[in-house]
Amino acid sequence: MNEIPFCPTTAFALWYAQHHFPKPPMEEPIHRYNGLTSIVLYRHNEYQVEQFILDPMLETPDHAHPNVDSVEIFYAGDLYFRHQGKLLSTHEQCQLVRPDGQQQLYGVMWRVRENESHGVNAGPRGCSFLSVQRWLNGVKPHSVGKDWVDMATGNTFNKDIKD
């Protein structure tokens, strides 16, 4: 490995790596689904944190995850989150900025229990959110993009979910 000379940028990189850097698992850390990317940032036993990044103007269907209890956390962009048929974040809310420069919705959390309907629309800037998950029913954690039910059609997507 190349050694990098010490400088203020290196000091910041070391600080960030020691205090904030995610520790993704070796197995299946990155998934891509038609304009949506997920990165597993952390996995331990039945717990997992997955970051989702959606291309601009992408819409997900209303769906549920039968094997996951989760908290979704607003991270960045234009994220219009639906839960049980109700829109919980709007375009206007996504435009609000705090005095510290962060989006007003940064860090807002939404609880989604197993089998509860939810979906996301990305606005013109795209969006990102974190999904903090507890996997249920003896299912080994993997991407939630492989374990869901489309609420409109009833189609189930559950590839490789059992140990």
N, C-alpha and C. Protein backbone atom coordinates (compact mmCIF):
# COMPACT_ATOMS: atom_id res chain seq x y z
N MET A 1 0.83 -1.17 0.00
CA MET A 1 0.00 0.00 0.00
C MET A 1 0.88 1.24 0.00
N ASN A 2 0.46 2.27 -0.72
CA ASN A 2 1.21 3.52 -0.73
C ASN A 2 1.01 4.27 0.57
N GLU A 3 2.10 4.85 1.08
CA GLU A 3 1.97 5.68 2.27
C GLU A 3 1.70 7.10 1.82
N ILE A 4 0.74 7.73 2.46
CA ILE A 4 0.43 9.10 2.09
C ILE A 4 1.09 10.05 3.07
N PRO A 5 1.64 11.16 2.57
CA PRO A 5 2.26 12.12 3.48
C PRO A 5 1.22 12.75 4.40
N PHE A 6 1.65 13.07 5.60
CA PHE A 6 0.73 13.67 6.56
C PHE A 6 0.50 15.14 6.20
N CYS A 7 -0.77 15.54 6.24
CA CYS A 7 -1.18 16.92 5.97
C CYS A 7 -2.55 17.10 6.61
N PRO A 8 -3.12 18.29 6.59
CA PRO A 8 -4.46 18.47 7.17
C PRO A 8 -5.51 17.54 6.56
N THR A 9 -5.43 17.25 5.27
CA THR A 9 -6.39 16.36 4.62
C THR A 9 -6.22 14.94 5.13
N THR A 10 -4.97 14.51 5.29
CA THR A 10 -4.70 13.17 5.83
C THR A 10 -5.21 13.07 7.27
N ALA A 11 -4.99 14.12 8.06
CA ALA A 11 -5.47 14.13 9.45
C ALA A 11 -6.99 13.99 9.48
N PHE A 12 -7.68 14.71 8.60
CA PHE A 12 -9.14 14.61 8.54
C PHE A 12 -9.56 13.21 8.12
N ALA A 13 -8.88 12.64 7.11
CA ALA A 13 -9.20 11.29 6.64
C ALA A 13 -9.03 10.26 7.76
N LEU A 14 -7.96 10.38 8.53
CA LEU A 14 -7.73 9.46 9.65
C LEU A 14 -8.80 9.61 10.72
N TRP A 15 -9.13 10.86 11.05
CA TRP A 15 -10.18 11.11 12.05
C TRP A 15 -11.51 10.51 11.58
N TYR A 16 -11.87 10.76 10.32
CA TYR A 16 -13.12 10.25 9.78
C TYR A 16 -13.14 8.73 9.79
N ALA A 17 -12.06 8.12 9.36
CA ALA A 17 -11.99 6.65 9.31
C ALA A 17 -12.11 6.03 10.70
N GLN A 18 -11.56 6.68 11.71
CA GLN A 18 -11.61 6.14 13.07
C GLN A 18 -12.96 6.36 13.74
N HIS A 19 -13.67 7.42 13.38
CA HIS A 19 -14.89 7.76 14.10
C HIS A 19 -16.18 7.58 13.33
N HIS A 20 -16.12 7.61 12.02
CA HIS A 20 -17.36 7.63 11.25
C HIS A 20 -17.39 6.66 10.08
N PHE A 21 -16.29 6.08 9.74
CA PHE A 21 -16.22 5.28 8.54
C PHE A 21 -17.04 4.01 8.70
N PRO A 22 -17.95 3.70 7.76
CA PRO A 22 -18.73 2.47 7.86
C PRO A 22 -17.85 1.23 7.69
N LYS A 23 -18.33 0.12 8.19
CA LYS A 23 -17.61 -1.14 8.10
C LYS A 23 -18.47 -2.16 7.35
N PRO A 24 -18.49 -2.07 6.01
CA PRO A 24 -19.36 -2.96 5.24
C PRO A 24 -18.92 -4.41 5.33
N PRO A 25 -19.88 -5.32 5.17
CA PRO A 25 -19.54 -6.74 5.19
C PRO A 25 -18.82 -7.14 3.91
N MET A 26 -18.11 -8.25 3.98
CA MET A 26 -17.41 -8.76 2.80
C MET A 26 -18.40 -9.31 1.77
N GLU A 27 -19.46 -9.97 2.25
CA GLU A 27 -20.41 -10.61 1.35
C GLU A 27 -21.50 -9.63 0.92
N GLU A 28 -21.70 -9.49 -0.36
CA GLU A 28 -22.77 -8.71 -0.97
C GLU A 28 -22.94 -7.30 -0.39
N PRO A 29 -21.92 -6.44 -0.45
CA PRO A 29 -22.08 -5.11 0.11
C PRO A 29 -22.78 -4.12 -0.82
N ILE A 30 -22.78 -4.37 -2.14
CA ILE A 30 -23.34 -3.39 -3.08
C ILE A 30 -24.35 -4.07 -4.00
N HIS A 31 -25.49 -3.40 -4.18
CA HIS A 31 -26.56 -3.91 -5.04
C HIS A 31 -27.04 -2.79 -5.94
N ARG A 32 -27.45 -3.14 -7.15
CA ARG A 32 -27.95 -2.16 -8.11
C ARG A 32 -29.28 -2.67 -8.66
N TYR A 33 -30.31 -1.82 -8.60
CA TYR A 33 -31.65 -2.18 -9.06
C TYR A 33 -32.23 -1.06 -9.92
N ASN A 34 -32.07 -1.08 -11.21
CA ASN A 34 -32.73 -0.14 -12.13
C ASN A 34 -32.81 1.29 -11.60
N GLY A 35 -31.69 1.96 -11.45
CA GLY A 35 -31.69 3.35 -11.01
C GLY A 35 -31.59 3.54 -9.52
N LEU A 36 -31.48 2.47 -8.79
CA LEU A 36 -31.36 2.52 -7.34
C LEU A 36 -30.12 1.72 -6.94
N THR A 37 -29.28 2.30 -6.13
CA THR A 37 -28.10 1.62 -5.62
C THR A 37 -28.21 1.49 -4.12
N SER A 38 -27.85 0.33 -3.59
CA SER A 38 -27.79 0.18 -2.13
C SER A 38 -26.39 -0.29 -1.74
N ILE A 39 -25.95 0.24 -0.62
CA ILE A 39 -24.64 -0.13 -0.07
C ILE A 39 -24.88 -0.55 1.38
N VAL A 40 -24.52 -1.77 1.71
CA VAL A 40 -24.63 -2.23 3.09
C VAL A 40 -23.45 -1.63 3.85
N LEU A 41 -23.75 -0.73 4.79
CA LEU A 41 -22.71 -0.04 5.54
C LEU A 41 -22.29 -0.82 6.78
N TYR A 42 -23.20 -1.65 7.30
CA TYR A 42 -22.92 -2.37 8.54
C TYR A 42 -23.83 -3.59 8.60
N ARG A 43 -23.28 -4.68 9.11
CA ARG A 43 -24.09 -5.89 9.32
C ARG A 43 -23.52 -6.65 10.51
N HIS A 44 -24.41 -7.02 11.45
CA HIS A 44 -24.02 -7.85 12.60
C HIS A 44 -25.25 -8.61 13.08
N ASN A 45 -25.13 -9.93 13.08
CA ASN A 45 -26.25 -10.80 13.46
C ASN A 45 -27.48 -10.41 12.65
N GLU A 46 -28.61 -10.08 13.32
CA GLU A 46 -29.83 -9.76 12.58
C GLU A 46 -29.95 -8.27 12.24
N TYR A 47 -28.93 -7.48 12.58
CA TYR A 47 -28.98 -6.03 12.35
C TYR A 47 -28.15 -5.63 11.13
N GLN A 48 -28.65 -4.61 10.45
CA GLN A 48 -27.97 -4.14 9.24
C GLN A 48 -28.33 -2.68 9.00
N VAL A 49 -27.39 -1.94 8.41
CA VAL A 49 -27.65 -0.58 7.95
C VAL A 49 -27.33 -0.56 6.46
N GLU A 50 -28.31 -0.11 5.67
CA GLU A 50 -28.18 -0.09 4.23
C GLU A 50 -28.47 1.33 3.73
N GLN A 51 -27.56 1.90 2.96
CA GLN A 51 -27.79 3.21 2.37
C GLN A 51 -28.36 3.03 0.97
N PHE A 52 -29.39 3.79 0.66
CA PHE A 52 -30.01 3.76 -0.66
C PHE A 52 -29.75 5.10 -1.36
N ILE A 53 -29.41 5.01 -2.63
CA ILE A 53 -29.20 6.19 -3.46
C ILE A 53 -30.07 6.00 -4.70
N LEU A 54 -31.00 6.92 -4.93
CA LEU A 54 -31.94 6.83 -6.05
C LEU A 54 -31.61 7.88 -7.08
N ASP A 55 -31.63 7.48 -8.35
CA ASP A 55 -31.45 8.42 -9.45
C ASP A 55 -32.58 9.44 -9.45
N PRO A 56 -32.34 10.63 -10.02
CA PRO A 56 -33.40 11.63 -10.11
C PRO A 56 -34.67 11.08 -10.75
N MET A 57 -35.79 11.46 -10.20
CA MET A 57 -37.14 11.16 -10.69
C MET A 57 -37.51 9.68 -10.64
N LEU A 58 -36.77 8.88 -9.93
CA LEU A 58 -37.09 7.45 -9.80
C LEU A 58 -38.22 7.27 -8.78
N GLU A 59 -39.15 6.38 -9.08
CA GLU A 59 -40.24 6.06 -8.17
C GLU A 59 -40.21 4.58 -7.84
N THR A 60 -40.36 4.26 -6.58
CA THR A 60 -40.51 2.86 -6.20
C THR A 60 -42.00 2.58 -5.98
N PRO A 61 -42.44 1.38 -6.26
CA PRO A 61 -43.84 1.06 -5.99
C PRO A 61 -44.06 0.95 -4.47
N ASP A 62 -45.30 1.12 -4.04
CA ASP A 62 -45.60 0.84 -2.64
C ASP A 62 -45.36 -0.65 -2.42
N HIS A 63 -44.62 -0.95 -1.37
CA HIS A 63 -44.23 -2.33 -1.10
C HIS A 63 -44.06 -2.52 0.40
N ALA A 64 -43.84 -3.76 0.80
CA ALA A 64 -43.60 -4.10 2.21
C ALA A 64 -42.50 -5.14 2.26
N HIS A 65 -41.83 -5.19 3.40
CA HIS A 65 -40.79 -6.19 3.64
C HIS A 65 -41.27 -7.11 4.77
N PRO A 66 -41.64 -8.36 4.45
CA PRO A 66 -42.20 -9.25 5.46
C PRO A 66 -41.20 -9.73 6.50
N ASN A 67 -39.92 -9.56 6.24
CA ASN A 67 -38.90 -10.07 7.15
C ASN A 67 -38.03 -8.99 7.76
N VAL A 68 -38.48 -7.72 7.68
CA VAL A 68 -37.65 -6.62 8.16
C VAL A 68 -38.47 -5.61 8.94
N ASP A 69 -37.97 -5.27 10.12
CA ASP A 69 -38.47 -4.16 10.92
C ASP A 69 -37.41 -3.07 10.77
N SER A 70 -37.81 -1.84 10.39
CA SER A 70 -36.78 -0.85 10.07
C SER A 70 -37.13 0.56 10.52
N VAL A 71 -36.09 1.37 10.55
CA VAL A 71 -36.21 2.82 10.70
C VAL A 71 -35.49 3.41 9.49
N GLU A 72 -36.20 4.25 8.74
CA GLU A 72 -35.63 4.89 7.56
C GLU A 72 -35.22 6.31 7.97
N ILE A 73 -34.01 6.73 7.56
CA ILE A 73 -33.48 8.03 7.97
C ILE A 73 -33.15 8.87 6.75
N PHE A 74 -33.75 10.05 6.67
CA PHE A 74 -33.50 10.98 5.57
C PHE A 74 -32.03 11.35 5.59
N TYR A 75 -31.38 11.29 4.41
CA TYR A 75 -29.96 11.63 4.32
C TYR A 75 -29.74 12.86 3.43
N ALA A 76 -30.21 12.81 2.17
CA ALA A 76 -29.94 13.94 1.27
C ALA A 76 -30.85 13.91 0.05
N GLY A 77 -31.02 15.09 -0.56
CA GLY A 77 -31.70 15.18 -1.84
C GLY A 77 -33.19 15.45 -1.72
N ASP A 78 -33.90 15.09 -2.77
CA ASP A 78 -35.36 15.27 -2.84
C ASP A 78 -36.01 13.92 -2.61
N LEU A 79 -36.35 13.64 -1.38
CA LEU A 79 -36.89 12.34 -0.96
C LEU A 79 -38.33 12.51 -0.52
N TYR A 80 -39.25 11.92 -1.29
CA TYR A 80 -40.67 11.97 -0.96
C TYR A 80 -41.05 10.58 -0.47
N PHE A 81 -41.18 10.45 0.84
CA PHE A 81 -41.38 9.16 1.49
C PHE A 81 -42.86 8.93 1.79
N ARG A 82 -43.37 7.77 1.38
CA ARG A 82 -44.76 7.39 1.65
C ARG A 82 -44.77 6.24 2.66
N HIS A 83 -45.73 6.29 3.58
CA HIS A 83 -45.90 5.22 4.56
C HIS A 83 -47.38 4.99 4.79
N GLN A 84 -47.82 3.76 4.57
CA GLN A 84 -49.22 3.39 4.75
C GLN A 84 -50.14 4.34 3.97
N GLY A 85 -49.71 4.71 2.74
CA GLY A 85 -50.53 5.55 1.86
C GLY A 85 -50.43 7.04 2.12
N LYS A 86 -49.64 7.46 3.11
CA LYS A 86 -49.55 8.88 3.45
C LYS A 86 -48.16 9.41 3.09
N LEU A 87 -48.12 10.58 2.40
CA LEU A 87 -46.86 11.22 2.06
C LEU A 87 -46.31 11.91 3.31
N LEU A 88 -45.09 11.54 3.71
CA LEU A 88 -44.50 12.07 4.95
C LEU A 88 -43.45 13.14 4.73
N SER A 89 -42.99 13.32 3.49
CA SER A 89 -42.06 14.42 3.19
C SER A 89 -42.43 14.98 1.83
N THR A 90 -42.39 16.29 1.72
CA THR A 90 -42.84 16.97 0.51
C THR A 90 -41.69 17.71 -0.18
N HIS A 91 -41.96 18.15 -1.39
CA HIS A 91 -40.99 18.94 -2.14
C HIS A 91 -40.61 20.20 -1.34
N GLU A 92 -41.60 20.85 -0.78
CA GLU A 92 -41.36 22.08 -0.02
C GLU A 92 -40.45 21.80 1.18
N GLN A 93 -40.68 20.70 1.89
CA GLN A 93 -39.85 20.36 3.03
C GLN A 93 -38.41 20.06 2.60
N CYS A 94 -38.24 19.45 1.44
CA CYS A 94 -36.90 19.12 0.94
C CYS A 94 -36.10 20.37 0.57
N GLN A 95 -36.77 21.49 0.36
CA GLN A 95 -36.08 22.73 -0.02
C GLN A 95 -35.64 23.55 1.19
N LEU A 96 -36.15 23.24 2.37
CA LEU A 96 -35.82 24.02 3.57
C LEU A 96 -34.40 23.70 4.05
N VAL A 97 -33.68 24.74 4.45
CA VAL A 97 -32.30 24.61 4.88
C VAL A 97 -32.15 25.16 6.30
N ARG A 98 -31.45 24.43 7.15
CA ARG A 98 -31.15 24.87 8.51
C ARG A 98 -30.07 25.97 8.49
N PRO A 99 -29.94 26.70 9.59
CA PRO A 99 -28.87 27.71 9.66
C PRO A 99 -27.46 27.12 9.47
N ASP A 100 -27.27 25.82 9.80
CA ASP A 100 -25.95 25.20 9.64
C ASP A 100 -25.70 24.69 8.22
N GLY A 101 -26.66 24.91 7.31
CA GLY A 101 -26.50 24.52 5.92
C GLY A 101 -27.06 23.15 5.58
N GLN A 102 -27.46 22.35 6.57
CA GLN A 102 -28.05 21.04 6.33
C GLN A 102 -29.49 21.20 5.87
N GLN A 103 -29.96 20.21 5.12
CA GLN A 103 -31.39 20.18 4.79
C GLN A 103 -32.19 20.03 6.07
N GLN A 104 -33.35 20.67 6.10
CA GLN A 104 -34.21 20.62 7.28
C GLN A 104 -34.58 19.18 7.65
N LEU A 105 -34.76 18.32 6.64
CA LEU A 105 -35.17 16.94 6.90
C LEU A 105 -34.01 16.00 7.25
N TYR A 106 -32.76 16.48 7.15
CA TYR A 106 -31.61 15.62 7.44
C TYR A 106 -31.77 14.97 8.81
N GLY A 107 -31.69 13.65 8.84
CA GLY A 107 -31.78 12.91 10.10
C GLY A 107 -33.18 12.57 10.55
N VAL A 108 -34.22 13.04 9.85
CA VAL A 108 -35.59 12.69 10.21
C VAL A 108 -35.77 11.19 10.04
N MET A 109 -36.45 10.56 11.00
CA MET A 109 -36.62 9.11 10.99
C MET A 109 -38.09 8.73 10.83
N TRP A 110 -38.29 7.64 10.07
CA TRP A 110 -39.63 7.07 9.90
C TRP A 110 -39.57 5.59 10.24
N ARG A 111 -40.44 5.12 11.11
CA ARG A 111 -40.49 3.72 11.49
C ARG A 111 -41.34 2.95 10.50
N VAL A 112 -40.83 1.82 10.02
CA VAL A 112 -41.57 0.94 9.10
C VAL A 112 -41.47 -0.47 9.65
N ARG A 113 -42.58 -0.96 10.16
CA ARG A 113 -42.61 -2.33 10.69
C ARG A 113 -42.78 -3.34 9.55
N GLU A 114 -42.48 -4.59 9.85
CA GLU A 114 -42.64 -5.63 8.83
C GLU A 114 -44.07 -5.59 8.29
N ASN A 115 -44.18 -5.80 7.00
CA ASN A 115 -45.44 -5.84 6.27
C ASN A 115 -46.17 -4.50 6.17
N GLU A 116 -45.56 -3.38 6.58
CA GLU A 116 -46.19 -2.08 6.40
C GLU A 116 -45.83 -1.51 5.03
N SER A 117 -46.84 -0.96 4.37
CA SER A 117 -46.67 -0.40 3.03
C SER A 117 -45.85 0.89 3.08
N HIS A 118 -44.91 1.02 2.14
CA HIS A 118 -44.12 2.24 2.02
C HIS A 118 -43.52 2.31 0.62
N GLY A 119 -43.05 3.49 0.26
CA GLY A 119 -42.41 3.69 -1.03
C GLY A 119 -41.72 5.04 -1.04
N VAL A 120 -40.91 5.27 -2.08
CA VAL A 120 -40.12 6.48 -2.18
C VAL A 120 -40.18 7.00 -3.61
N ASN A 121 -40.29 8.30 -3.74
CA ASN A 121 -40.09 8.98 -5.01
C ASN A 121 -38.89 9.89 -4.84
N ALA A 122 -38.00 9.89 -5.82
CA ALA A 122 -36.87 10.82 -5.83
C ALA A 122 -37.23 12.00 -6.71
N GLY A 123 -36.89 13.19 -6.26
CA GLY A 123 -37.13 14.39 -7.04
C GLY A 123 -36.01 14.65 -8.02
N PRO A 124 -35.92 15.88 -8.51
CA PRO A 124 -34.95 16.22 -9.56
C PRO A 124 -33.48 16.06 -9.17
N ARG A 125 -33.18 16.13 -7.87
CA ARG A 125 -31.78 15.97 -7.44
C ARG A 125 -31.44 14.54 -7.05
N GLY A 126 -32.40 13.62 -7.19
CA GLY A 126 -32.19 12.28 -6.66
C GLY A 126 -32.29 12.34 -5.15
N CYS A 127 -32.00 11.24 -4.48
CA CYS A 127 -32.09 11.25 -3.02
C CYS A 127 -31.30 10.09 -2.43
N SER A 128 -31.11 10.18 -1.13
CA SER A 128 -30.46 9.11 -0.40
C SER A 128 -31.07 9.02 1.00
N PHE A 129 -31.18 7.78 1.48
CA PHE A 129 -31.63 7.57 2.85
C PHE A 129 -30.94 6.33 3.40
N LEU A 130 -30.93 6.22 4.71
CA LEU A 130 -30.39 5.06 5.40
C LEU A 130 -31.54 4.21 5.89
N SER A 131 -31.40 2.92 5.77
CA SER A 131 -32.38 1.98 6.30
C SER A 131 -31.70 1.18 7.40
N VAL A 132 -32.12 1.40 8.64
CA VAL A 132 -31.57 0.69 9.80
C VAL A 132 -32.52 -0.46 10.07
N GLN A 133 -32.03 -1.68 9.94
CA GLN A 133 -32.89 -2.85 9.87
C GLN A 133 -32.62 -3.88 10.96
N ARG A 134 -33.70 -4.54 11.36
CA ARG A 134 -33.60 -5.76 12.16
C ARG A 134 -34.33 -6.83 11.36
N TRP A 135 -33.59 -7.88 10.97
CA TRP A 135 -34.15 -8.96 10.17
C TRP A 135 -34.83 -9.97 11.07
N LEU A 136 -36.00 -10.43 10.63
CA LEU A 136 -36.88 -11.29 11.43
C LEU A 136 -37.04 -12.67 10.81
N ASN A 137 -37.72 -13.53 11.51
CA ASN A 137 -38.15 -14.85 11.02
C ASN A 137 -36.99 -15.77 10.62
N GLY A 138 -35.83 -15.57 11.23
CA GLY A 138 -34.69 -16.41 10.93
C GLY A 138 -34.04 -16.13 9.59
N VAL A 139 -34.41 -15.03 8.94
CA VAL A 139 -33.84 -14.68 7.65
C VAL A 139 -32.52 -13.96 7.86
N LYS A 140 -31.49 -14.43 7.17
CA LYS A 140 -30.16 -13.83 7.26
C LYS A 140 -30.18 -12.48 6.52
N PRO A 141 -29.63 -11.42 7.12
CA PRO A 141 -29.64 -10.11 6.45
C PRO A 141 -28.96 -10.13 5.09
N HIS A 142 -29.56 -9.41 4.16
CA HIS A 142 -29.04 -9.18 2.82
C HIS A 142 -29.75 -7.92 2.34
N SER A 143 -29.70 -7.57 1.11
CA SER A 143 -30.36 -6.35 0.66
C SER A 143 -31.88 -6.50 0.72
N VAL A 144 -32.56 -5.49 1.28
CA VAL A 144 -34.03 -5.54 1.31
C VAL A 144 -34.63 -5.50 -0.09
N GLY A 145 -33.82 -5.11 -1.07
CA GLY A 145 -34.27 -5.13 -2.46
C GLY A 145 -34.53 -6.53 -2.98
N LYS A 146 -34.11 -7.54 -2.21
CA LYS A 146 -34.34 -8.94 -2.58
C LYS A 146 -35.42 -9.58 -1.73
N ASP A 147 -36.10 -8.80 -0.92
CA ASP A 147 -37.07 -9.37 0.03
C ASP A 147 -38.23 -8.39 0.21
N TRP A 148 -39.16 -8.37 -0.75
CA TRP A 148 -40.27 -7.45 -0.64
C TRP A 148 -41.50 -7.94 -1.39
N VAL A 149 -42.63 -7.33 -1.07
CA VAL A 149 -43.91 -7.65 -1.69
C VAL A 149 -44.46 -6.36 -2.31
N ASP A 150 -44.80 -6.42 -3.60
CA ASP A 150 -45.42 -5.29 -4.29
C ASP A 150 -46.87 -5.19 -3.83
N MET A 151 -47.24 -4.07 -3.24
CA MET A 151 -48.58 -3.92 -2.67
C MET A 151 -49.67 -3.88 -3.75
N ALA A 152 -49.35 -3.42 -4.95
CA ALA A 152 -50.35 -3.33 -6.02
C ALA A 152 -50.65 -4.69 -6.63
N THR A 153 -49.63 -5.50 -6.80
CA THR A 153 -49.81 -6.77 -7.51
C THR A 153 -49.82 -7.99 -6.59
N GLY A 154 -49.22 -7.83 -5.39
CA GLY A 154 -49.08 -8.97 -4.49
C GLY A 154 -47.90 -9.86 -4.84
N ASN A 155 -47.15 -9.49 -5.89
CA ASN A 155 -45.98 -10.28 -6.27
C ASN A 155 -44.93 -10.21 -5.17
N THR A 156 -44.33 -11.35 -4.89
CA THR A 156 -43.31 -11.45 -3.86
C THR A 156 -41.94 -11.61 -4.51
N PHE A 157 -40.97 -10.87 -4.00
CA PHE A 157 -39.60 -10.96 -4.46
C PHE A 157 -38.76 -11.35 -3.26
N ASN A 158 -38.28 -12.59 -3.25
CA ASN A 158 -37.50 -13.05 -2.10
C ASN A 158 -36.45 -14.06 -2.53
N LYS A 159 -35.48 -13.57 -3.27
CA LYS A 159 -34.41 -14.44 -3.75
C LYS A 159 -33.39 -14.70 -2.65
N ASP A 160 -33.06 -15.95 -2.47
CA ASP A 160 -31.96 -16.36 -1.59
C ASP A 160 -32.09 -15.82 -0.17
N ILE A 161 -33.28 -15.87 0.42
CA ILE A 161 -33.41 -15.25 1.73
C ILE A 161 -33.20 -16.20 2.89
N LYS A 162 -33.35 -17.47 2.71
CA LYS A 162 -33.17 -18.41 3.83
C LYS A 162 -31.73 -18.86 3.92
N ASP A 163 -31.28 -19.15 5.14
CA ASP A 163 -29.92 -19.68 5.32
C ASP A 163 -29.80 -21.02 4.63
